[in-house]
């Protein structure tokens, strides 16, 4: 069975994406910082008939991240879809005039070095198989800077550039890269920001492979 690895898996979007891909036959590797949280989510998915496993790792810890991906591949199967969607930490969310180099470095570890590590670790297997998908989930600051959240704006913009370059470089290889931009908060019951609605968009990015970027809703002028 193919495996979907969700980096930044949680009870909202991560769970919704796991259910969507799991229903389509994917095994699901849930990766986040707290083992108890991913274990609980894996158990919930298991009760719904989805094969899932939880793996604790901080995306800013290279060894932990690659180790989690290795364990997931060994236990569930090779990673065929990688979703990178950790929630930014509060330390990244400072106004531009209050943001220090240390703040930006931490944000870059999460939003640039983390995906570089994860993608590099699984990309060889995808390219050898001639198929695979890498999905990025970002807030609107990835495409429109927000001075209120300077660290994340800088890091998301860099992550977005990396995703676009990956998409272009891998065109025709069988490996597809897509990005979903979610302006504002993910909100259960919302017509555009509900986790299940967003999971459908990510599934569409996986299946309609000519599209690089989609939006939960159009950005306001």
N, C-alpha and C. Protein backbone atom coordinates (compact mmCIF):
# COMPACT_ATOMS: atom_id res chain seq x y z
N UNK A 1 0.84 -1.21 0.00
CA UNK A 1 0.00 0.00 0.00
C UNK A 1 0.87 1.26 0.00
N UNK A 2 0.44 2.30 -0.70
CA UNK A 2 1.19 3.56 -0.61
C UNK A 2 0.96 4.21 0.73
N UNK A 3 1.93 5.02 1.15
CA UNK A 3 1.84 5.71 2.44
C UNK A 3 1.79 7.21 2.24
N UNK A 4 0.88 7.84 2.96
CA UNK A 4 0.83 9.30 3.08
C UNK A 4 1.48 9.67 4.39
N UNK A 5 2.49 10.53 4.35
CA UNK A 5 3.12 11.04 5.57
C UNK A 5 2.69 12.49 5.77
N UNK A 6 2.08 12.76 6.92
CA UNK A 6 1.62 14.11 7.24
C UNK A 6 2.54 14.68 8.30
N UNK A 7 3.29 15.71 7.96
CA UNK A 7 4.18 16.38 8.91
C UNK A 7 3.43 17.57 9.49
N UNK A 8 3.24 17.52 10.81
CA UNK A 8 2.39 18.50 11.47
C UNK A 8 0.98 17.96 11.62
N UNK A 9 0.86 16.63 11.79
CA UNK A 9 -0.46 16.01 11.88
C UNK A 9 -1.16 16.38 13.18
N UNK A 10 -2.41 16.77 13.08
CA UNK A 10 -3.20 17.12 14.25
C UNK A 10 -4.64 16.71 14.07
N UNK A 11 -5.50 17.04 15.03
CA UNK A 11 -6.89 16.59 14.99
C UNK A 11 -7.78 17.34 14.01
N UNK A 12 -7.29 18.41 13.41
CA UNK A 12 -8.08 19.18 12.46
C UNK A 12 -7.79 18.78 11.03
N UNK A 13 -6.96 19.58 10.36
CA UNK A 13 -6.65 19.31 8.95
C UNK A 13 -5.95 17.97 8.78
N UNK A 14 -4.99 17.66 9.64
CA UNK A 14 -4.27 16.40 9.50
C UNK A 14 -5.20 15.21 9.54
N UNK A 15 -6.13 15.20 10.49
CA UNK A 15 -7.08 14.10 10.60
C UNK A 15 -7.98 14.02 9.37
N UNK A 16 -8.42 15.17 8.87
CA UNK A 16 -9.30 15.18 7.70
C UNK A 16 -8.58 14.64 6.46
N UNK A 17 -7.33 15.06 6.28
CA UNK A 17 -6.56 14.55 5.13
C UNK A 17 -6.29 13.06 5.28
N UNK A 18 -5.99 12.63 6.51
CA UNK A 18 -5.76 11.20 6.75
C UNK A 18 -7.01 10.39 6.40
N UNK A 19 -8.18 10.87 6.78
CA UNK A 19 -9.42 10.16 6.45
C UNK A 19 -9.64 10.11 4.95
N UNK A 20 -9.39 11.22 4.26
CA UNK A 20 -9.62 11.28 2.82
C UNK A 20 -8.69 10.32 2.08
N UNK A 21 -7.40 10.40 2.36
CA UNK A 21 -6.45 9.53 1.68
C UNK A 21 -6.59 8.08 2.15
N UNK A 22 -6.88 7.91 3.44
CA UNK A 22 -7.06 6.56 3.97
C UNK A 22 -8.22 5.85 3.31
N UNK A 23 -9.30 6.57 3.05
CA UNK A 23 -10.46 5.98 2.38
C UNK A 23 -10.13 5.56 0.95
N UNK A 24 -9.09 6.17 0.38
CA UNK A 24 -8.66 5.83 -0.97
C UNK A 24 -7.59 4.73 -0.98
N UNK A 25 -7.29 4.16 0.20
CA UNK A 25 -6.38 3.03 0.26
C UNK A 25 -4.98 3.32 0.74
N UNK A 26 -4.73 4.56 1.17
CA UNK A 26 -3.41 4.91 1.67
C UNK A 26 -3.25 4.47 3.12
N UNK A 27 -2.06 3.99 3.48
CA UNK A 27 -1.65 3.95 4.87
C UNK A 27 -1.24 5.37 5.25
N UNK A 28 -1.32 5.71 6.53
CA UNK A 28 -1.07 7.09 6.95
C UNK A 28 -0.05 7.13 8.08
N UNK A 29 1.02 7.89 7.87
CA UNK A 29 2.03 8.15 8.89
C UNK A 29 1.78 9.55 9.45
N UNK A 30 1.53 9.61 10.73
CA UNK A 30 1.22 10.87 11.42
C UNK A 30 2.47 11.32 12.17
N UNK A 31 2.99 12.48 11.83
CA UNK A 31 4.23 12.96 12.42
C UNK A 31 3.99 14.33 13.06
N UNK A 32 4.25 14.41 14.36
CA UNK A 32 4.22 15.68 15.06
C UNK A 32 5.10 15.57 16.30
N UNK A 33 5.16 16.61 17.11
CA UNK A 33 6.14 16.64 18.20
C UNK A 33 5.77 15.75 19.38
N UNK A 34 4.49 15.44 19.55
CA UNK A 34 4.05 14.75 20.75
C UNK A 34 3.54 13.35 20.43
N UNK A 35 4.23 12.34 20.95
CA UNK A 35 3.88 10.96 20.64
C UNK A 35 2.46 10.62 21.05
N UNK A 36 2.04 11.07 22.23
CA UNK A 36 0.70 10.73 22.71
C UNK A 36 -0.38 11.26 21.77
N UNK A 37 -0.15 12.42 21.18
CA UNK A 37 -1.15 13.01 20.30
C UNK A 37 -1.29 12.21 19.01
N UNK A 38 -0.16 11.84 18.40
CA UNK A 38 -0.26 11.08 17.14
C UNK A 38 -0.71 9.64 17.40
N UNK A 39 -0.39 9.10 18.56
CA UNK A 39 -0.89 7.77 18.90
C UNK A 39 -2.41 7.78 19.02
N UNK A 40 -2.95 8.82 19.67
CA UNK A 40 -4.39 8.92 19.83
C UNK A 40 -5.08 9.08 18.48
N UNK A 41 -4.49 9.89 17.59
CA UNK A 41 -5.08 10.08 16.27
C UNK A 41 -4.98 8.80 15.45
N UNK A 42 -3.86 8.09 15.55
CA UNK A 42 -3.71 6.82 14.83
C UNK A 42 -4.76 5.81 15.30
N UNK A 43 -5.00 5.77 16.60
CA UNK A 43 -6.01 4.86 17.13
C UNK A 43 -7.40 5.21 16.62
N UNK A 44 -7.70 6.51 16.57
CA UNK A 44 -8.99 6.96 16.05
C UNK A 44 -9.17 6.54 14.59
N UNK A 45 -8.13 6.73 13.80
CA UNK A 45 -8.19 6.33 12.39
C UNK A 45 -8.31 4.82 12.26
N UNK A 46 -7.61 4.10 13.12
CA UNK A 46 -7.69 2.65 13.10
C UNK A 46 -9.11 2.15 13.33
N UNK A 47 -9.84 2.81 14.23
CA UNK A 47 -11.23 2.43 14.49
C UNK A 47 -12.12 2.68 13.28
N UNK A 48 -11.67 3.56 12.41
CA UNK A 48 -12.41 3.84 11.17
C UNK A 48 -11.94 2.96 10.02
N UNK A 49 -11.04 2.02 10.31
CA UNK A 49 -10.59 1.09 9.29
C UNK A 49 -9.39 1.55 8.49
N UNK A 50 -8.71 2.60 8.96
CA UNK A 50 -7.54 3.14 8.25
C UNK A 50 -6.28 2.70 8.98
N UNK A 51 -5.32 2.16 8.24
CA UNK A 51 -4.05 1.77 8.82
C UNK A 51 -3.19 3.01 9.02
N UNK A 52 -2.85 3.31 10.26
CA UNK A 52 -2.11 4.53 10.56
C UNK A 52 -1.14 4.27 11.70
N UNK A 53 -0.07 5.05 11.72
CA UNK A 53 0.91 4.98 12.79
C UNK A 53 1.35 6.37 13.18
N UNK A 54 1.71 6.54 14.44
CA UNK A 54 2.16 7.84 14.94
C UNK A 54 3.65 7.84 15.21
N UNK A 55 4.32 8.92 14.82
CA UNK A 55 5.77 9.02 14.94
C UNK A 55 6.12 10.42 15.44
N UNK A 56 6.75 10.49 16.59
CA UNK A 56 7.08 11.79 17.19
C UNK A 56 8.36 12.35 16.59
N UNK A 57 8.30 13.60 16.15
CA UNK A 57 9.49 14.29 15.66
C UNK A 57 9.17 15.77 15.55
N UNK A 58 10.15 16.59 15.90
CA UNK A 58 10.10 18.03 15.66
C UNK A 58 10.72 18.27 14.29
N UNK A 59 10.02 18.98 13.41
CA UNK A 59 10.55 19.19 12.06
C UNK A 59 11.83 20.01 12.07
N UNK A 60 12.14 20.67 13.21
CA UNK A 60 13.39 21.42 13.32
C UNK A 60 14.56 20.54 13.74
N UNK A 61 14.30 19.27 14.03
CA UNK A 61 15.33 18.31 14.44
C UNK A 61 15.55 17.34 13.28
N UNK A 62 16.62 17.55 12.53
CA UNK A 62 16.85 16.78 11.31
C UNK A 62 16.90 15.28 11.57
N UNK A 63 17.64 14.86 12.58
CA UNK A 63 17.78 13.44 12.86
C UNK A 63 16.44 12.83 13.26
N UNK A 64 15.69 13.53 14.10
CA UNK A 64 14.38 13.01 14.52
C UNK A 64 13.42 12.92 13.34
N UNK A 65 13.46 13.92 12.47
CA UNK A 65 12.56 13.95 11.32
C UNK A 65 12.86 12.82 10.35
N UNK A 66 14.11 12.66 9.98
CA UNK A 66 14.44 11.59 9.05
C UNK A 66 14.22 10.22 9.69
N UNK A 67 14.48 10.11 10.98
CA UNK A 67 14.23 8.86 11.68
C UNK A 67 12.75 8.50 11.67
N UNK A 68 11.88 9.48 11.87
CA UNK A 68 10.44 9.23 11.85
C UNK A 68 9.99 8.78 10.47
N UNK A 69 10.51 9.42 9.44
CA UNK A 69 10.15 9.03 8.07
C UNK A 69 10.64 7.62 7.76
N UNK A 70 11.82 7.28 8.24
CA UNK A 70 12.34 5.93 8.03
C UNK A 70 11.48 4.88 8.73
N UNK A 71 11.10 5.16 9.98
CA UNK A 71 10.26 4.20 10.72
C UNK A 71 8.90 4.04 10.05
N UNK A 72 8.35 5.14 9.58
CA UNK A 72 7.05 5.08 8.91
C UNK A 72 7.14 4.23 7.64
N UNK A 73 8.18 4.44 6.85
CA UNK A 73 8.34 3.66 5.61
C UNK A 73 8.54 2.18 5.91
N UNK A 74 9.30 1.88 6.96
CA UNK A 74 9.56 0.49 7.31
C UNK A 74 8.29 -0.21 7.80
N UNK A 75 7.45 0.50 8.54
CA UNK A 75 6.26 -0.12 9.14
C UNK A 75 5.03 -0.06 8.25
N UNK A 76 4.90 1.00 7.44
CA UNK A 76 3.68 1.20 6.67
C UNK A 76 3.87 1.04 5.17
N UNK A 77 5.09 1.28 4.69
CA UNK A 77 5.36 1.23 3.26
C UNK A 77 5.98 2.53 2.78
N UNK A 78 6.58 2.52 1.61
CA UNK A 78 7.26 3.71 1.10
C UNK A 78 6.34 4.92 1.02
N UNK A 79 6.89 6.09 1.33
CA UNK A 79 6.10 7.32 1.30
C UNK A 79 5.85 7.72 -0.15
N UNK A 80 4.58 7.70 -0.53
CA UNK A 80 4.18 8.08 -1.88
C UNK A 80 3.65 9.51 -1.93
N UNK A 81 3.12 9.99 -0.79
CA UNK A 81 2.64 11.37 -0.69
C UNK A 81 3.17 11.95 0.62
N UNK A 82 3.78 13.12 0.52
CA UNK A 82 4.29 13.83 1.68
C UNK A 82 3.55 15.15 1.80
N UNK A 83 2.90 15.37 2.94
CA UNK A 83 2.25 16.66 3.20
C UNK A 83 3.03 17.39 4.27
N UNK A 84 3.44 18.62 3.97
CA UNK A 84 4.19 19.42 4.93
C UNK A 84 3.29 20.54 5.42
N UNK A 85 2.86 20.44 6.68
CA UNK A 85 1.87 21.40 7.19
C UNK A 85 1.95 21.65 8.69
N UNK A 86 3.16 21.78 9.26
CA UNK A 86 3.22 22.09 10.69
C UNK A 86 2.70 23.51 10.97
N UNK A 87 2.06 23.69 12.11
CA UNK A 87 1.53 25.00 12.49
C UNK A 87 2.68 25.85 13.02
N UNK A 88 2.82 27.09 12.54
CA UNK A 88 3.89 27.95 13.05
C UNK A 88 3.79 28.18 14.55
N UNK A 89 4.92 28.20 15.23
CA UNK A 89 4.92 28.46 16.66
C UNK A 89 4.74 29.96 16.93
N UNK A 90 4.26 30.26 18.13
CA UNK A 90 3.94 31.66 18.46
C UNK A 90 5.16 32.58 18.39
N UNK A 91 6.34 32.03 18.64
CA UNK A 91 7.54 32.87 18.62
C UNK A 91 7.79 33.45 17.23
N UNK A 92 7.23 32.80 16.18
CA UNK A 92 7.43 33.30 14.82
C UNK A 92 6.48 34.45 14.50
N UNK A 93 5.46 34.65 15.34
CA UNK A 93 4.34 35.53 14.98
C UNK A 93 4.46 36.89 15.66
N UNK A 94 5.55 37.58 15.37
CA UNK A 94 5.80 38.89 15.96
C UNK A 94 5.80 39.96 14.86
N UNK A 95 5.44 41.21 15.23
CA UNK A 95 5.50 42.29 14.25
C UNK A 95 6.92 42.50 13.73
N UNK A 96 7.02 43.03 12.54
CA UNK A 96 8.31 43.12 11.87
C UNK A 96 9.33 43.92 12.69
N UNK A 97 8.90 44.99 13.38
CA UNK A 97 9.85 45.81 14.13
C UNK A 97 10.31 45.13 15.41
N UNK A 98 9.61 44.09 15.82
CA UNK A 98 10.00 43.34 17.03
C UNK A 98 10.69 42.02 16.69
N UNK A 99 10.82 41.73 15.42
CA UNK A 99 11.35 40.43 14.99
C UNK A 99 12.87 40.48 14.90
N UNK A 100 13.52 39.53 15.54
CA UNK A 100 14.98 39.46 15.55
C UNK A 100 15.47 38.38 14.59
N UNK A 101 16.78 38.38 14.37
CA UNK A 101 17.38 37.34 13.53
C UNK A 101 17.12 35.95 14.11
N UNK A 102 17.15 35.84 15.43
CA UNK A 102 16.88 34.55 16.07
C UNK A 102 15.45 34.07 15.80
N UNK A 103 14.50 35.01 15.81
CA UNK A 103 13.11 34.66 15.50
C UNK A 103 13.00 34.12 14.08
N UNK A 104 13.64 34.80 13.15
CA UNK A 104 13.56 34.39 11.74
C UNK A 104 14.27 33.06 11.53
N UNK A 105 15.39 32.86 12.21
CA UNK A 105 16.10 31.59 12.05
C UNK A 105 15.23 30.43 12.50
N UNK A 106 14.54 30.59 13.62
CA UNK A 106 13.66 29.53 14.10
C UNK A 106 12.55 29.25 13.08
N UNK A 107 11.98 30.32 12.51
CA UNK A 107 10.93 30.14 11.51
C UNK A 107 11.47 29.46 10.26
N UNK A 108 12.68 29.81 9.86
CA UNK A 108 13.29 29.18 8.69
C UNK A 108 13.58 27.70 8.94
N UNK A 109 13.98 27.37 10.17
CA UNK A 109 14.18 25.96 10.51
C UNK A 109 12.89 25.17 10.29
N UNK A 110 11.76 25.77 10.66
CA UNK A 110 10.48 25.09 10.54
C UNK A 110 9.98 25.04 9.10
N UNK A 111 10.07 26.16 8.39
CA UNK A 111 9.40 26.29 7.10
C UNK A 111 10.31 26.12 5.89
N UNK A 112 11.62 26.08 6.09
CA UNK A 112 12.53 25.90 4.97
C UNK A 112 13.43 24.68 5.18
N UNK A 113 14.17 24.66 6.28
CA UNK A 113 15.07 23.53 6.51
C UNK A 113 14.28 22.24 6.75
N UNK A 114 13.14 22.34 7.42
CA UNK A 114 12.30 21.17 7.66
C UNK A 114 11.82 20.54 6.36
N UNK A 115 11.17 21.30 5.47
CA UNK A 115 10.74 20.70 4.22
C UNK A 115 11.89 20.25 3.33
N UNK A 116 12.99 21.00 3.33
CA UNK A 116 14.15 20.55 2.55
C UNK A 116 14.62 19.18 3.02
N UNK A 117 14.68 19.00 4.34
CA UNK A 117 15.10 17.72 4.90
C UNK A 117 14.13 16.61 4.53
N UNK A 118 12.84 16.85 4.74
CA UNK A 118 11.83 15.83 4.50
C UNK A 118 11.74 15.46 3.02
N UNK A 119 11.68 16.46 2.17
CA UNK A 119 11.54 16.19 0.74
C UNK A 119 12.78 15.46 0.22
N UNK A 120 13.94 15.93 0.58
CA UNK A 120 15.17 15.28 0.12
C UNK A 120 15.19 13.81 0.56
N UNK A 121 14.65 13.53 1.74
CA UNK A 121 14.71 12.18 2.29
C UNK A 121 13.81 11.21 1.54
N UNK A 122 12.68 11.69 1.03
CA UNK A 122 11.74 10.78 0.35
C UNK A 122 11.78 10.90 -1.17
N UNK A 123 12.39 11.95 -1.68
CA UNK A 123 12.30 12.21 -3.12
C UNK A 123 12.99 11.15 -3.96
N UNK A 124 14.10 10.61 -3.46
CA UNK A 124 14.81 9.59 -4.22
C UNK A 124 13.92 8.39 -4.51
N UNK A 125 13.18 7.94 -3.48
CA UNK A 125 12.28 6.81 -3.67
C UNK A 125 11.15 7.13 -4.63
N UNK A 126 10.61 8.36 -4.55
CA UNK A 126 9.55 8.76 -5.47
C UNK A 126 10.05 8.79 -6.90
N UNK A 127 11.22 9.35 -7.10
CA UNK A 127 11.75 9.46 -8.47
C UNK A 127 12.09 8.08 -9.03
N UNK A 128 12.58 7.21 -8.18
CA UNK A 128 12.88 5.85 -8.63
C UNK A 128 11.60 5.13 -9.03
N UNK A 129 10.53 5.35 -8.27
CA UNK A 129 9.24 4.73 -8.59
C UNK A 129 8.55 5.41 -9.77
N UNK A 130 8.98 6.64 -10.09
CA UNK A 130 8.36 7.38 -11.17
C UNK A 130 7.02 7.98 -10.82
N UNK A 131 6.75 8.10 -9.52
CA UNK A 131 5.49 8.69 -9.09
C UNK A 131 5.60 9.14 -7.64
N UNK A 132 4.78 10.12 -7.30
CA UNK A 132 4.77 10.64 -5.94
C UNK A 132 4.19 12.04 -5.93
N UNK A 133 3.83 12.50 -4.74
CA UNK A 133 3.26 13.84 -4.58
C UNK A 133 3.82 14.48 -3.32
N UNK A 134 4.16 15.75 -3.42
CA UNK A 134 4.57 16.55 -2.26
C UNK A 134 3.58 17.71 -2.17
N UNK A 135 2.94 17.85 -1.01
CA UNK A 135 1.93 18.88 -0.80
C UNK A 135 2.38 19.83 0.31
N UNK A 136 2.33 21.12 0.04
CA UNK A 136 2.65 22.15 1.02
C UNK A 136 1.36 22.88 1.39
N UNK A 137 1.19 23.14 2.68
CA UNK A 137 0.05 23.93 3.16
C UNK A 137 0.60 25.17 3.86
N UNK A 138 0.18 26.34 3.39
CA UNK A 138 0.69 27.60 3.94
C UNK A 138 -0.43 28.60 4.14
N UNK A 139 -0.17 29.58 5.00
CA UNK A 139 -1.06 30.71 5.14
C UNK A 139 -0.85 31.70 4.01
N UNK A 140 -1.67 32.74 4.00
CA UNK A 140 -1.62 33.71 2.91
C UNK A 140 -0.31 34.48 2.86
N UNK A 141 0.43 34.54 3.98
CA UNK A 141 1.69 35.28 3.97
C UNK A 141 2.74 34.61 3.10
N UNK A 142 2.48 33.40 2.64
CA UNK A 142 3.39 32.75 1.69
C UNK A 142 3.42 33.48 0.36
N UNK A 143 2.33 34.16 0.04
CA UNK A 143 2.24 34.87 -1.24
C UNK A 143 1.99 36.36 -1.06
N UNK A 144 1.67 36.78 0.18
CA UNK A 144 1.44 38.20 0.45
C UNK A 144 1.98 38.51 1.84
N UNK A 145 3.08 39.25 1.95
CA UNK A 145 3.70 39.50 3.27
C UNK A 145 2.75 40.17 4.24
N UNK A 146 2.88 39.76 5.50
CA UNK A 146 2.07 40.33 6.57
C UNK A 146 3.02 40.79 7.67
N UNK A 147 3.17 42.09 7.82
CA UNK A 147 4.14 42.64 8.77
C UNK A 147 3.79 42.34 10.22
N UNK A 148 2.57 41.91 10.49
CA UNK A 148 2.19 41.55 11.85
C UNK A 148 2.82 40.23 12.27
N UNK A 149 3.07 39.37 11.29
CA UNK A 149 3.65 38.05 11.53
C UNK A 149 4.91 37.90 10.69
N UNK A 150 5.92 38.68 11.01
CA UNK A 150 7.07 38.83 10.12
C UNK A 150 7.87 37.55 9.94
N UNK A 151 8.17 36.86 11.03
CA UNK A 151 8.98 35.65 10.91
C UNK A 151 8.36 34.62 10.01
N UNK A 152 7.06 34.37 10.21
CA UNK A 152 6.36 33.40 9.38
C UNK A 152 6.23 33.90 7.95
N UNK A 153 6.00 35.21 7.76
CA UNK A 153 5.90 35.74 6.40
C UNK A 153 7.19 35.52 5.61
N UNK A 154 8.32 35.78 6.26
CA UNK A 154 9.61 35.58 5.60
C UNK A 154 9.82 34.10 5.28
N UNK A 155 9.55 33.25 6.26
CA UNK A 155 9.81 31.82 6.10
C UNK A 155 8.82 31.18 5.12
N UNK A 156 7.54 31.56 5.19
CA UNK A 156 6.56 31.01 4.26
C UNK A 156 6.86 31.42 2.83
N UNK A 157 7.33 32.65 2.63
CA UNK A 157 7.68 33.09 1.28
C UNK A 157 8.82 32.24 0.73
N UNK A 158 9.79 31.93 1.57
CA UNK A 158 10.90 31.07 1.14
C UNK A 158 10.42 29.65 0.87
N UNK A 159 9.54 29.14 1.72
CA UNK A 159 8.98 27.81 1.51
C UNK A 159 8.19 27.75 0.20
N UNK A 160 7.43 28.81 -0.07
CA UNK A 160 6.65 28.88 -1.29
C UNK A 160 7.56 28.88 -2.52
N UNK A 161 8.65 29.63 -2.45
CA UNK A 161 9.61 29.65 -3.57
C UNK A 161 10.22 28.27 -3.78
N UNK A 162 10.56 27.59 -2.69
CA UNK A 162 11.11 26.24 -2.79
C UNK A 162 10.10 25.29 -3.43
N UNK A 163 8.85 25.37 -3.00
CA UNK A 163 7.81 24.51 -3.56
C UNK A 163 7.65 24.75 -5.06
N UNK A 164 7.63 26.02 -5.46
CA UNK A 164 7.49 26.34 -6.89
C UNK A 164 8.66 25.81 -7.69
N UNK A 165 9.87 25.97 -7.17
CA UNK A 165 11.05 25.45 -7.88
C UNK A 165 11.02 23.93 -7.99
N UNK A 166 10.59 23.27 -6.91
CA UNK A 166 10.45 21.82 -6.96
C UNK A 166 9.46 21.41 -8.03
N UNK A 167 8.31 22.07 -8.04
CA UNK A 167 7.27 21.76 -9.03
C UNK A 167 7.83 21.85 -10.44
N UNK A 168 8.54 22.93 -10.72
CA UNK A 168 9.06 23.14 -12.06
C UNK A 168 10.16 22.13 -12.40
N UNK A 169 11.05 21.86 -11.44
CA UNK A 169 12.17 20.96 -11.70
C UNK A 169 11.72 19.52 -11.89
N UNK A 170 10.60 19.14 -11.26
CA UNK A 170 10.13 17.75 -11.31
C UNK A 170 9.07 17.52 -12.38
N UNK A 171 8.72 18.54 -13.13
CA UNK A 171 7.71 18.40 -14.17
C UNK A 171 8.12 17.30 -15.15
N UNK A 172 7.21 16.40 -15.42
CA UNK A 172 7.48 15.30 -16.34
C UNK A 172 8.14 14.09 -15.72
N UNK A 173 8.46 14.17 -14.42
CA UNK A 173 9.15 13.06 -13.76
C UNK A 173 8.20 12.04 -13.15
N UNK A 174 6.91 12.40 -13.05
CA UNK A 174 5.95 11.57 -12.34
C UNK A 174 5.75 12.00 -10.90
N UNK A 175 6.60 12.91 -10.43
CA UNK A 175 6.48 13.45 -9.07
C UNK A 175 5.86 14.85 -9.17
N UNK A 176 4.75 15.03 -8.49
CA UNK A 176 4.02 16.30 -8.55
C UNK A 176 4.16 17.06 -7.23
N UNK A 177 4.29 18.36 -7.32
CA UNK A 177 4.37 19.23 -6.15
C UNK A 177 3.23 20.24 -6.22
N UNK A 178 2.47 20.35 -5.14
CA UNK A 178 1.36 21.28 -5.08
C UNK A 178 1.36 22.06 -3.79
N UNK A 179 0.67 23.19 -3.80
CA UNK A 179 0.61 24.06 -2.62
C UNK A 179 -0.82 24.55 -2.43
N UNK A 180 -1.30 24.46 -1.20
CA UNK A 180 -2.59 25.01 -0.83
C UNK A 180 -2.38 26.20 0.10
N UNK A 181 -2.94 27.34 -0.28
CA UNK A 181 -2.88 28.56 0.53
C UNK A 181 -4.19 28.70 1.29
N UNK A 182 -4.08 28.80 2.61
CA UNK A 182 -5.26 28.91 3.47
C UNK A 182 -5.20 30.26 4.19
N UNK A 183 -5.90 31.28 3.67
CA UNK A 183 -5.92 32.57 4.37
C UNK A 183 -6.71 32.47 5.67
N UNK A 184 -6.11 32.86 6.78
CA UNK A 184 -6.83 32.84 8.04
C UNK A 184 -6.86 31.46 8.67
N UNK A 185 -7.72 31.31 9.66
CA UNK A 185 -7.75 30.10 10.48
C UNK A 185 -8.57 29.00 9.82
N UNK A 186 -8.19 27.75 10.12
CA UNK A 186 -8.99 26.59 9.74
C UNK A 186 -10.13 26.48 10.74
N UNK A 187 -11.39 26.41 10.24
CA UNK A 187 -12.55 26.49 11.12
C UNK A 187 -13.58 25.41 10.78
N UNK A 188 -13.80 24.46 11.67
CA UNK A 188 -14.83 23.45 11.43
C UNK A 188 -16.18 24.09 11.15
N UNK A 189 -16.86 23.59 10.14
CA UNK A 189 -18.18 24.10 9.78
C UNK A 189 -18.16 25.27 8.82
N UNK A 190 -16.99 25.84 8.57
CA UNK A 190 -16.89 26.97 7.65
C UNK A 190 -16.98 26.46 6.21
N UNK A 191 -17.66 27.21 5.33
CA UNK A 191 -17.84 26.70 3.96
C UNK A 191 -16.55 26.53 3.16
N UNK A 192 -15.51 27.29 3.47
CA UNK A 192 -14.25 27.16 2.72
C UNK A 192 -13.08 26.71 3.57
N UNK A 193 -13.17 26.89 4.90
CA UNK A 193 -12.03 26.61 5.78
C UNK A 193 -12.24 25.40 6.69
N UNK A 194 -13.32 24.67 6.45
CA UNK A 194 -13.53 23.44 7.21
C UNK A 194 -12.46 22.41 6.84
N UNK A 195 -11.93 21.65 7.81
CA UNK A 195 -10.87 20.69 7.50
C UNK A 195 -11.22 19.71 6.39
N UNK A 196 -12.47 19.24 6.34
CA UNK A 196 -12.85 18.29 5.30
C UNK A 196 -12.86 18.95 3.92
N UNK A 197 -13.27 20.21 3.86
CA UNK A 197 -13.25 20.95 2.59
C UNK A 197 -11.81 21.12 2.10
N UNK A 198 -10.92 21.46 3.03
CA UNK A 198 -9.51 21.63 2.67
C UNK A 198 -8.88 20.30 2.27
N UNK A 199 -9.28 19.23 2.93
CA UNK A 199 -8.77 17.90 2.57
C UNK A 199 -9.16 17.55 1.13
N UNK A 200 -10.36 17.93 0.73
CA UNK A 200 -10.78 17.70 -0.66
C UNK A 200 -9.90 18.47 -1.63
N UNK A 201 -9.53 19.69 -1.25
CA UNK A 201 -8.66 20.48 -2.12
C UNK A 201 -7.27 19.84 -2.24
N UNK A 202 -6.77 19.32 -1.14
CA UNK A 202 -5.47 18.66 -1.19
C UNK A 202 -5.54 17.37 -2.00
N UNK A 203 -6.63 16.65 -1.89
CA UNK A 203 -6.82 15.47 -2.73
C UNK A 203 -6.84 15.86 -4.20
N UNK A 204 -7.51 16.97 -4.51
CA UNK A 204 -7.57 17.45 -5.88
C UNK A 204 -6.17 17.85 -6.39
N UNK A 205 -5.37 18.49 -5.54
CA UNK A 205 -4.00 18.81 -5.93
C UNK A 205 -3.19 17.55 -6.20
N UNK A 206 -3.46 16.48 -5.45
CA UNK A 206 -2.78 15.20 -5.66
C UNK A 206 -3.22 14.55 -6.97
N UNK A 207 -4.48 14.64 -7.30
CA UNK A 207 -5.00 13.91 -8.46
C UNK A 207 -4.96 14.73 -9.75
N UNK A 208 -5.16 16.04 -9.65
CA UNK A 208 -5.11 16.91 -10.83
C UNK A 208 -3.72 17.54 -10.88
N UNK A 209 -2.83 16.86 -11.52
CA UNK A 209 -1.41 17.10 -11.31
C UNK A 209 -0.84 18.23 -12.15
N UNK A 210 -1.68 18.87 -12.95
CA UNK A 210 -1.20 20.02 -13.71
C UNK A 210 -1.24 21.30 -12.89
N UNK A 211 -1.93 21.29 -11.75
CA UNK A 211 -2.12 22.50 -10.94
C UNK A 211 -1.06 22.55 -9.84
N UNK A 212 -0.36 23.68 -9.72
CA UNK A 212 0.61 23.84 -8.64
C UNK A 212 -0.05 24.42 -7.39
N UNK A 213 -0.77 25.53 -7.52
CA UNK A 213 -1.27 26.25 -6.34
C UNK A 213 -2.78 26.38 -6.39
N UNK A 214 -3.39 26.16 -5.21
CA UNK A 214 -4.82 26.41 -5.06
C UNK A 214 -5.01 27.22 -3.78
N UNK A 215 -6.19 27.83 -3.65
CA UNK A 215 -6.50 28.67 -2.50
C UNK A 215 -7.79 28.18 -1.85
N UNK A 216 -7.81 28.24 -0.52
CA UNK A 216 -9.06 27.93 0.17
C UNK A 216 -10.14 28.92 -0.24
N UNK A 217 -9.76 30.16 -0.43
CA UNK A 217 -10.64 31.19 -0.94
C UNK A 217 -9.76 32.26 -1.57
N UNK A 218 -10.29 33.05 -2.51
CA UNK A 218 -9.47 34.09 -3.13
C UNK A 218 -9.00 35.11 -2.10
N UNK A 219 -7.78 35.61 -2.29
CA UNK A 219 -7.27 36.64 -1.39
C UNK A 219 -7.96 37.97 -1.68
N UNK A 220 -8.34 38.66 -0.62
CA UNK A 220 -8.98 39.96 -0.78
C UNK A 220 -7.97 40.99 -1.29
N UNK A 221 -8.43 41.91 -2.09
CA UNK A 221 -7.56 42.98 -2.60
C UNK A 221 -7.16 43.94 -1.48
